[in-house]
């Protein structure tokens, strides 16, 4: 994705499209103030003051709408450029007409996805991690997702990475000092101290990498997969937990052919609940593919709900029994009709609701335990993880380089790898990946 010139003044709708009480159009760039004056006929505009005005079409002179015009003078704005906000009524006709008028003005063009935030980054208003935190905050659907996004947007994670990068650079600087003065032989004590520092840095990185991908899982959701034989009650359980008819329920075996996903909020954590095809041997091509996908989902699941038909209990089908492990919660369904004695498994009935609250409490305990109550994760994206792995490898290579120049080069590469996380070095392909995920008006 190639962004256009940063000298252009850009504009976009900053609120969701569609009918609403208020819609906000945002402009950023050197022509923003002139555009506001042209639309409102105001000559004296006070920065950071809401002006109640009539917006006019410069060509026809007719009033488009009445609303608020705000001017944020550079560098005291989101992008560090002159920024204007037009607060209009959320009429589709008003917005369509205003966008057309702005597009016809000299020096103005529609913004590309993420371009406002990209300009804020380029102008030093935020680093890459803070920009990603802003994107995650906009997308957050649960309280824990919001909390993680806020930590990142406010720079808490950036402080960690910058400290890591600074420590690598300090080690690099000590070595380069001896390269600049070759007559000075580097003392063994200095080399030993350097080795200790590298080991310490690697320990910090290793602990972060071994976090069970908690940060990424918090962004994307915990995968809870419902598994079991046909007619074990999987779709009924999905509907009960979702509190709606998300899946078709039938007494006929093999009704579910593909995975059905619903998104839930449990204890503030995002959960992706998945219903799967019943596990059995099948010669029917479509059902067999559904069963293959069910097994693949089981392999990738964070938590497995393995269901057994209570009307047949304690008989257990072997396909489902083979999926029981430390990730599993074993459930005996249809307990309202089960005739066998309780043998310790969690018994539920989607018909009467028996055991559902206990199941939810068990799920909550597993989910909270998955994230833990200790230090919050500082890796929230695969991009961060990949750069940390590179940094760890460069640090490892530096320990075995015999020449100081080669050792310095490995440390320099390690510092660059960490720097790519926060954007301390200019790497266009990294920027494009980050900002392409934003909406047009952000």
Protein backbone atom coordinates (compact mmCIF):
# COMPACT_ATOMS: atom_id res chain seq x y z
CA UNK A 1 0.00 0.00 0.00
CA UNK A 2 1.54 3.32 -1.06
CA UNK A 3 0.46 6.46 0.78
CA UNK A 4 0.22 9.70 -1.19
CA UNK A 5 2.10 12.88 -0.40
CA UNK A 6 2.00 14.02 3.21
CA UNK A 7 1.87 17.60 1.90
CA UNK A 8 -1.74 17.07 0.85
CA UNK A 9 -4.62 18.05 3.09
CA UNK A 10 -6.71 14.96 3.69
CA UNK A 11 -10.32 14.52 4.76
CA UNK A 12 -12.56 11.62 5.78
CA UNK A 13 -15.63 10.69 7.74
CA UNK A 14 -14.42 10.00 11.30
CA UNK A 15 -17.68 8.43 12.50
CA UNK A 16 -19.31 5.23 11.20
CA UNK A 17 -21.18 5.68 7.92
CA UNK A 18 -24.96 5.62 7.99
CA UNK A 19 -27.79 7.59 9.58
CA UNK A 20 -27.03 9.05 13.01
CA UNK A 21 -27.67 12.07 15.17
CA UNK A 22 -24.21 13.51 14.52
CA UNK A 23 -21.49 12.76 12.00
CA UNK A 24 -17.94 14.12 12.14
CA UNK A 25 -15.75 14.95 9.17
CA UNK A 26 -12.06 15.40 9.87
CA UNK A 27 -9.49 17.36 7.83
CA UNK A 28 -5.74 17.46 8.40
CA UNK A 29 -3.11 19.54 6.61
CA UNK A 30 -2.13 23.04 5.65
CA UNK A 31 -5.38 23.76 3.76
CA UNK A 32 -7.69 22.62 6.56
CA UNK A 33 -8.24 26.07 8.10
CA UNK A 34 -8.84 27.70 4.71
CA UNK A 35 -11.45 25.03 3.93
CA UNK A 36 -13.25 25.76 7.20
CA UNK A 37 -13.30 29.48 6.46
CA UNK A 38 -14.59 28.85 2.94
CA UNK A 39 -17.40 26.63 4.21
CA UNK A 40 -18.47 28.87 7.09
CA UNK A 41 -17.54 32.38 5.86
CA UNK A 42 -15.84 32.95 9.22
CA UNK A 43 -12.76 35.14 9.20
CA UNK A 44 -11.75 34.90 12.85
CA UNK A 45 -11.62 31.31 14.11
CA UNK A 46 -10.42 30.59 17.64
CA UNK A 47 -8.37 27.38 18.01
CA UNK A 48 -9.90 24.68 20.21
CA UNK A 49 -13.23 26.53 20.31
CA UNK A 50 -16.54 25.08 19.06
CA UNK A 51 -18.08 27.53 16.57
CA UNK A 52 -21.80 27.03 15.89
CA UNK A 53 -22.09 27.88 12.22
CA UNK A 54 -23.93 27.38 8.96
CA UNK A 55 -22.00 25.38 6.37
CA UNK A 56 -22.40 26.73 2.84
CA UNK A 57 -21.75 25.30 -0.62
CA UNK A 58 -19.07 27.65 -2.00
CA UNK A 59 -20.51 27.34 -5.53
CA UNK A 60 -24.28 27.59 -5.01
CA UNK A 61 -24.01 29.61 -1.76
CA UNK A 62 -26.81 27.45 -0.34
CA UNK A 63 -26.73 26.20 3.25
CA UNK A 64 -25.76 22.53 3.49
CA UNK A 65 -26.32 22.13 7.24
CA UNK A 66 -25.85 23.82 10.59
CA UNK A 67 -23.42 22.40 13.12
CA UNK A 68 -20.08 22.88 14.87
CA UNK A 69 -16.73 23.74 13.35
CA UNK A 70 -13.56 23.19 15.39
CA UNK A 71 -9.97 24.11 14.56
CA UNK A 72 -6.94 22.52 16.22
CA UNK A 73 -3.83 24.50 15.40
CA UNK A 74 -0.57 22.66 14.70
CA UNK A 75 1.19 21.14 16.55
CA UNK A 76 -1.60 20.84 19.16
CA UNK A 77 -3.65 18.26 17.30
CA UNK A 78 -3.91 14.51 16.78
CA UNK A 79 -1.70 14.56 13.68
CA UNK A 80 0.48 17.53 14.77
CA UNK A 81 -0.83 19.33 11.66
CA UNK A 82 -3.66 21.84 11.37
CA UNK A 83 -6.81 19.78 11.98
CA UNK A 84 -10.44 20.76 11.42
CA UNK A 85 -13.53 18.86 12.53
CA UNK A 86 -16.95 19.45 11.02
CA UNK A 87 -19.75 18.17 13.25
CA UNK A 88 -22.83 17.78 11.11
CA UNK A 89 -26.17 16.01 11.31
CA UNK A 90 -25.83 12.36 10.40
CA UNK A 91 -27.86 12.65 7.23
CA UNK A 92 -26.68 10.57 4.27
CA UNK A 93 -27.54 13.45 1.94
CA UNK A 94 -25.61 16.00 4.04
CA UNK A 95 -22.52 13.84 4.31
CA UNK A 96 -22.57 12.91 0.62
CA UNK A 97 -22.84 16.56 -0.39
CA UNK A 98 -20.11 17.70 2.01
CA UNK A 99 -17.69 15.00 0.86
CA UNK A 100 -18.29 16.08 -2.73
CA UNK A 101 -17.60 19.73 -1.89
CA UNK A 102 -14.40 18.93 0.00
CA UNK A 103 -13.18 16.73 -2.85
CA UNK A 104 -13.58 19.63 -5.28
CA UNK A 105 -11.47 22.05 -3.20
CA UNK A 106 -7.89 22.74 -4.25
CA UNK A 107 -5.29 20.93 -2.17
CA UNK A 108 -7.75 18.48 -0.57
CA UNK A 109 -8.09 14.77 -1.21
CA UNK A 110 -9.78 11.81 0.53
CA UNK A 111 -7.64 10.12 3.18
CA UNK A 112 -6.40 6.57 2.77
CA UNK A 113 -6.94 3.94 5.50
CA UNK A 114 -4.92 4.80 8.60
CA UNK A 115 -3.48 7.98 7.11
CA UNK A 116 -4.45 10.26 10.01
CA UNK A 117 -2.73 7.94 12.49
CA UNK A 118 0.22 7.46 10.17
CA UNK A 119 0.76 11.23 10.10
CA UNK A 120 0.57 11.28 13.90
CA UNK A 121 3.30 8.63 13.95
CA UNK A 122 5.51 10.39 11.40
CA UNK A 123 5.15 13.69 13.28
CA UNK A 124 6.16 12.08 16.57
CA UNK A 125 2.76 12.06 18.28
CA UNK A 126 2.95 8.30 18.89
CA UNK A 127 5.12 5.31 18.13
CA UNK A 128 4.08 2.18 16.24
CA UNK A 129 3.02 0.28 19.35
CA UNK A 130 0.84 3.18 20.50
CA UNK A 131 -0.71 3.35 17.03
CA UNK A 132 -1.47 -0.37 17.16
CA UNK A 133 -2.92 0.12 20.63
CA UNK A 134 -5.26 2.76 19.23
CA UNK A 135 -6.39 0.34 16.51
CA UNK A 136 -6.96 -2.36 19.14
CA UNK A 137 -8.92 0.05 21.33
CA UNK A 138 -11.25 0.87 18.44
CA UNK A 139 -11.78 -2.86 17.83
CA UNK A 140 -12.06 -3.82 21.53
CA UNK A 141 -15.28 -5.63 22.42
CA UNK A 142 -14.52 -6.76 25.99
CA UNK A 143 -13.15 -5.02 29.09
CA UNK A 144 -9.90 -7.02 29.08
CA UNK A 145 -9.30 -6.24 25.42
CA UNK A 146 -9.87 -2.57 26.19
CA UNK A 147 -7.47 -2.67 29.16
CA UNK A 148 -4.70 -4.24 27.09
CA UNK A 149 -5.25 -1.74 24.27
CA UNK A 150 -5.16 1.19 26.70
CA UNK A 151 -1.88 -0.01 28.21
CA UNK A 152 -0.37 -0.17 24.76
CA UNK A 153 -1.88 3.11 23.52
CA UNK A 154 -0.64 4.98 26.60
CA UNK A 155 2.93 3.81 25.96
CA UNK A 156 3.33 1.28 28.78
CA UNK A 157 4.58 -1.43 26.42
CA UNK A 158 6.72 1.04 24.49
CA UNK A 159 8.63 1.84 27.68
CA UNK A 160 9.49 -1.85 28.06
CA UNK A 161 10.75 -2.21 24.48
CA UNK A 162 12.66 1.04 24.56
CA UNK A 163 14.42 -0.04 27.76
CA UNK A 164 15.33 -3.34 26.08
CA UNK A 165 16.65 -1.54 23.01
CA UNK A 166 18.60 0.97 25.12
CA UNK A 167 20.34 -1.80 27.03
CA UNK A 168 21.42 -3.47 23.78
CA UNK A 169 22.71 -0.16 22.42
CA UNK A 170 24.68 0.50 25.60
CA UNK A 171 26.41 -2.86 25.25
CA UNK A 172 27.10 -2.06 21.62
CA UNK A 173 28.54 1.35 22.55
CA UNK A 174 30.97 -0.20 25.05
CA UNK A 175 32.34 -2.55 22.39
CA UNK A 176 32.57 0.13 19.70
CA UNK A 177 34.59 2.29 22.07
CA UNK A 178 37.32 -0.35 22.06
CA UNK A 179 37.13 -0.64 18.28
CA UNK A 180 37.66 3.14 18.01
CA UNK A 181 40.74 2.84 20.23
CA UNK A 182 42.46 -0.33 19.03
CA UNK A 183 45.53 0.29 21.19
CA UNK A 184 43.37 -0.28 24.26
CA UNK A 185 42.99 -4.00 24.95
CA UNK A 186 39.52 -4.89 26.15
CA UNK A 187 39.68 -6.21 29.74
CA UNK A 188 38.36 -9.70 30.49
CA UNK A 189 36.11 -8.21 33.18
CA UNK A 190 34.40 -6.01 30.58
CA UNK A 191 33.83 -8.97 28.27
CA UNK A 192 32.43 -11.01 31.17
CA UNK A 193 30.11 -8.15 32.12
CA UNK A 194 28.96 -7.90 28.50
CA UNK A 195 28.23 -11.62 28.36
CA UNK A 196 26.21 -11.37 31.58
CA UNK A 197 24.19 -8.49 30.14
CA UNK A 198 23.47 -10.44 26.93
CA UNK A 199 22.31 -13.45 28.97
CA UNK A 200 20.10 -11.15 31.05
CA UNK A 201 18.55 -9.64 27.92
CA UNK A 202 17.94 -13.08 26.48
CA UNK A 203 16.26 -14.17 29.70
CA UNK A 204 13.83 -11.24 29.51
CA UNK A 205 13.04 -11.99 25.87
CA UNK A 206 12.67 -15.72 26.51
CA UNK A 207 10.20 -15.13 29.33
CA UNK A 208 8.15 -12.90 27.07
CA UNK A 209 8.13 -15.42 24.24
CA UNK A 210 7.01 -18.21 26.58
CA UNK A 211 3.79 -16.43 27.55
CA UNK A 212 1.45 -18.92 25.87
CA UNK A 213 0.59 -16.24 23.30
CA UNK A 214 -1.64 -14.53 25.87
CA UNK A 215 -1.49 -11.11 24.26
CA UNK A 216 -2.43 -12.35 20.80
CA UNK A 217 -5.14 -14.56 22.26
CA UNK A 218 -6.61 -11.59 24.10
CA UNK A 219 -6.84 -9.69 20.81
CA UNK A 220 -8.23 -12.59 18.78
CA UNK A 221 -10.18 -14.58 21.38
CA UNK A 222 -9.88 -17.88 23.25
CA UNK A 223 -10.97 -20.83 21.10
CA UNK A 224 -13.47 -23.05 22.92
CA UNK A 225 -14.45 -26.00 20.72
CA UNK A 226 -17.48 -28.24 21.32
CA UNK A 227 -16.79 -31.86 20.34
CA UNK A 228 -18.59 -35.17 20.52
CA UNK A 229 -20.47 -37.85 18.65
CA UNK A 230 -23.55 -37.06 16.52
CA UNK A 231 -26.60 -36.16 18.66
CA UNK A 232 -24.49 -35.66 21.78
CA UNK A 233 -26.07 -32.21 22.19
CA UNK A 234 -23.32 -29.99 20.74
CA UNK A 235 -25.56 -27.61 18.79
CA UNK A 236 -28.03 -27.39 21.68
CA UNK A 237 -25.18 -26.41 24.00
CA UNK A 238 -23.93 -23.77 21.55
CA UNK A 239 -27.42 -22.25 21.37
CA UNK A 240 -27.79 -22.34 25.15
CA UNK A 241 -24.48 -20.58 25.76
CA UNK A 242 -25.13 -18.10 22.95
CA UNK A 243 -28.69 -17.52 24.19
CA UNK A 244 -29.97 -17.65 20.63
CA UNK A 245 -30.58 -20.18 17.86
CA UNK A 246 -27.17 -19.97 16.23
CA UNK A 247 -27.11 -23.60 15.08
CA UNK A 248 -29.77 -25.94 13.70
CA UNK A 249 -30.78 -28.62 16.20
CA UNK A 250 -32.10 -31.91 14.83
CA UNK A 251 -32.51 -35.47 16.06
CA UNK A 252 -31.09 -36.59 12.72
CA UNK A 253 -27.39 -37.46 13.02
CA UNK A 254 -24.88 -35.52 10.93
CA UNK A 255 -26.85 -32.26 10.69
CA UNK A 256 -23.81 -30.09 11.44
CA UNK A 257 -21.43 -30.29 8.49
CA UNK A 258 -19.11 -27.34 9.10
CA UNK A 259 -17.81 -25.39 12.08
CA UNK A 260 -20.19 -22.73 13.42
CA UNK A 261 -18.60 -19.86 15.35
CA UNK A 262 -20.09 -17.39 17.78
CA UNK A 263 -18.27 -14.69 19.72
CA UNK A 264 -18.85 -14.30 23.45
CA UNK A 265 -17.65 -12.19 26.35
CA UNK A 266 -16.81 -14.28 29.42
CA UNK A 267 -15.38 -12.40 32.41
CA UNK A 268 -14.26 -9.61 30.11
CA UNK A 269 -12.28 -11.99 27.89
CA UNK A 270 -13.16 -12.63 24.23
CA UNK A 271 -14.21 -16.21 23.49
CA UNK A 272 -14.80 -17.86 20.12
CA UNK A 273 -17.20 -20.75 20.76
CA UNK A 274 -17.19 -23.34 17.96
CA UNK A 275 -19.73 -26.06 17.21
CA UNK A 276 -18.37 -28.93 15.10
CA UNK A 277 -19.54 -31.93 13.13
CA UNK A 278 -20.27 -35.11 15.06
CA UNK A 279 -17.33 -37.49 15.30
CA UNK A 280 -17.92 -40.83 13.60
CA UNK A 281 -16.84 -42.83 10.54
CA UNK A 282 -18.62 -41.60 7.43
CA UNK A 283 -18.46 -42.44 3.72
CA UNK A 284 -20.38 -39.30 2.79
CA UNK A 285 -17.88 -36.78 1.37
CA UNK A 286 -19.29 -33.58 2.87
CA UNK A 287 -19.78 -35.06 6.33
CA UNK A 288 -16.31 -36.62 6.23
CA UNK A 289 -14.82 -33.21 5.45
CA UNK A 290 -16.76 -31.70 8.36
CA UNK A 291 -15.37 -34.39 10.67
CA UNK A 292 -11.84 -33.69 9.43
CA UNK A 293 -12.34 -30.01 10.19
CA UNK A 294 -13.71 -30.86 13.63
CA UNK A 295 -10.54 -32.80 14.44
CA UNK A 296 -8.41 -29.92 13.16
CA UNK A 297 -10.35 -27.52 15.40
CA UNK A 298 -9.81 -29.85 18.34
CA UNK A 299 -6.07 -29.82 17.67
CA UNK A 300 -5.95 -25.99 17.69
CA UNK A 301 -8.41 -25.46 20.56
CA UNK A 302 -7.47 -23.65 23.76
CA UNK A 303 -10.32 -25.38 25.63
CA UNK A 304 -12.27 -28.44 24.51
CA UNK A 305 -15.79 -29.24 25.67
CA UNK A 306 -16.04 -32.98 25.06
CA UNK A 307 -19.68 -34.13 25.17
CA UNK A 308 -21.06 -37.59 25.87
CA UNK A 309 -24.72 -38.54 25.43
CA UNK A 310 -26.19 -38.95 28.92
CA UNK A 311 -28.82 -41.37 27.66
CA UNK A 312 -26.00 -43.79 26.85
CA UNK A 313 -23.74 -42.96 29.81
CA UNK A 314 -21.40 -44.41 31.03
CA UNK A 315 -20.82 -45.72 27.51
CA UNK A 316 -18.25 -43.46 25.81
CA UNK A 317 -17.62 -43.37 22.09
CA UNK A 318 -13.94 -43.92 21.38
CA UNK A 319 -13.55 -40.99 18.98
CA UNK A 320 -14.59 -38.52 21.69
CA UNK A 321 -12.75 -40.35 24.47
CA UNK A 322 -9.51 -39.96 22.50
CA UNK A 323 -9.82 -36.16 22.63
CA UNK A 324 -9.77 -35.95 26.43
CA UNK A 325 -6.61 -34.30 27.74
CA UNK A 326 -5.54 -31.38 29.96
CA UNK A 327 -7.38 -28.92 27.68
CA UNK A 328 -10.70 -30.76 28.05
CA UNK A 329 -13.83 -30.30 30.12
CA UNK A 330 -15.82 -33.54 30.01
CA UNK A 331 -19.60 -33.08 29.92
CA UNK A 332 -22.41 -35.60 30.22
CA UNK A 333 -25.43 -34.17 28.36
CA UNK A 334 -29.17 -34.80 28.61
CA UNK A 335 -28.87 -35.40 32.35
CA UNK A 336 -32.63 -34.87 32.64
CA UNK A 337 -33.09 -38.23 30.89
CA UNK A 338 -29.94 -40.02 32.09
CA UNK A 339 -30.60 -43.10 34.16
CA UNK A 340 -27.04 -43.81 35.28
CA UNK A 341 -25.50 -42.68 38.54
CA UNK A 342 -23.24 -39.64 38.73
CA UNK A 343 -19.60 -40.66 38.25
CA UNK A 344 -17.97 -37.28 38.80
CA UNK A 345 -18.24 -35.69 35.35
CA UNK A 346 -20.05 -32.39 34.90
CA UNK A 347 -23.65 -33.20 34.03
CA UNK A 348 -25.75 -30.73 32.04
CA UNK A 349 -29.16 -30.41 30.45
CA UNK A 350 -29.84 -27.74 27.87
CA UNK A 351 -33.55 -28.51 28.23
CA UNK A 352 -33.81 -27.79 31.97
CA UNK A 353 -30.68 -25.64 32.37
CA UNK A 354 -29.22 -28.00 34.96
CA UNK A 355 -25.44 -27.72 35.21
CA UNK A 356 -25.15 -24.75 32.81
CA UNK A 357 -24.18 -22.26 35.53
CA UNK A 358 -21.60 -24.69 36.86
CA UNK A 359 -20.24 -25.12 33.34
CA UNK A 360 -19.94 -21.35 32.91
CA UNK A 361 -18.09 -21.07 36.23
CA UNK A 362 -15.73 -23.85 35.16
CA UNK A 363 -15.15 -22.09 31.84
CA UNK A 364 -14.51 -18.80 33.61
CA UNK A 365 -11.92 -20.47 35.84
CA UNK A 366 -10.15 -22.01 32.86
CA UNK A 367 -10.11 -18.74 30.93
CA UNK A 368 -8.88 -16.62 33.84
CA UNK A 369 -6.28 -19.28 34.60
CA UNK A 370 -5.17 -19.23 30.98
CA UNK A 371 -4.30 -15.54 31.17
CA UNK A 372 -3.05 -15.74 34.75
CA UNK A 373 -2.97 -13.07 37.41
CA UNK A 374 0.70 -12.16 37.05
CA UNK A 375 2.46 -9.67 34.80
CA UNK A 376 0.40 -8.58 31.81
CA UNK A 377 1.75 -9.74 28.43
CA UNK A 378 3.93 -7.35 26.49
CA UNK A 379 3.56 -9.18 23.16
CA UNK A 380 0.21 -8.40 21.58
CA UNK A 381 0.86 -9.16 17.90
CA UNK A 382 2.70 -11.74 15.83
CA UNK A 383 4.79 -8.87 14.43
CA UNK A 384 6.24 -8.18 17.89
CA UNK A 385 6.92 -11.87 18.50
CA UNK A 386 8.75 -12.29 15.18
CA UNK A 387 11.04 -9.32 15.90
CA UNK A 388 11.79 -10.55 19.44
CA UNK A 389 12.75 -13.96 18.08
CA UNK A 390 15.14 -12.25 15.66
CA UNK A 391 16.61 -10.11 18.45
CA UNK A 392 17.14 -13.21 20.62
CA UNK A 393 18.92 -15.00 17.75
CA UNK A 394 21.20 -12.02 17.05
CA UNK A 395 22.11 -11.81 20.73
CA UNK A 396 22.88 -15.53 20.71
CA UNK A 397 25.13 -15.18 17.65
CA UNK A 398 26.97 -12.26 19.23
CA UNK A 399 28.21 -14.50 22.04
CA UNK A 400 30.16 -16.68 19.62
CA UNK A 401 31.67 -14.06 17.32
CA UNK A 402 35.46 -13.93 17.83
CA UNK A 403 35.98 -10.46 16.31
CA UNK A 404 34.67 -7.35 18.06
CA UNK A 405 33.45 -5.93 14.74
CA UNK A 406 31.29 -9.00 14.11
CA UNK A 407 30.02 -9.03 17.69
CA UNK A 408 29.04 -5.37 17.31
CA UNK A 409 27.19 -6.10 14.09
CA UNK A 410 25.07 -8.79 15.76
CA UNK A 411 24.20 -6.41 18.61
CA UNK A 412 23.34 -3.70 16.11
CA UNK A 413 20.97 -6.07 14.30
CA UNK A 414 19.41 -7.07 17.64
CA UNK A 415 18.77 -3.41 18.50
CA UNK A 416 17.24 -2.85 15.06
CA UNK A 417 14.93 -5.84 15.48
CA UNK A 418 13.60 -4.43 18.77
CA UNK A 419 13.43 -0.96 17.22
CA UNK A 420 11.12 -2.23 14.48
CA UNK A 421 8.52 -3.00 17.15
CA UNK A 422 8.14 0.63 18.23
CA UNK A 423 9.23 2.18 14.93
CA UNK A 424 12.52 3.64 16.10
CA UNK A 425 13.88 2.84 12.67
CA UNK A 426 12.19 3.70 9.40
CA UNK A 427 10.94 0.55 7.68
CA UNK A 428 8.20 1.26 5.12
CA UNK A 429 6.93 -2.30 4.82
CA UNK A 430 6.39 -2.46 8.59
CA UNK A 431 4.44 0.81 8.49
CA UNK A 432 2.21 -0.40 5.68
CA UNK A 433 1.29 -3.56 7.60
CA UNK A 434 0.40 -1.53 10.70
CA UNK A 435 -1.65 1.25 9.14
CA UNK A 436 -3.46 -0.69 6.40
CA UNK A 437 -5.73 -2.22 9.09
CA UNK A 438 -7.20 1.16 10.10
CA UNK A 439 -10.51 2.53 8.92
CA UNK A 440 -10.52 5.40 6.42
CA UNK A 441 -11.21 8.20 8.92
CA UNK A 442 -8.63 7.24 11.53
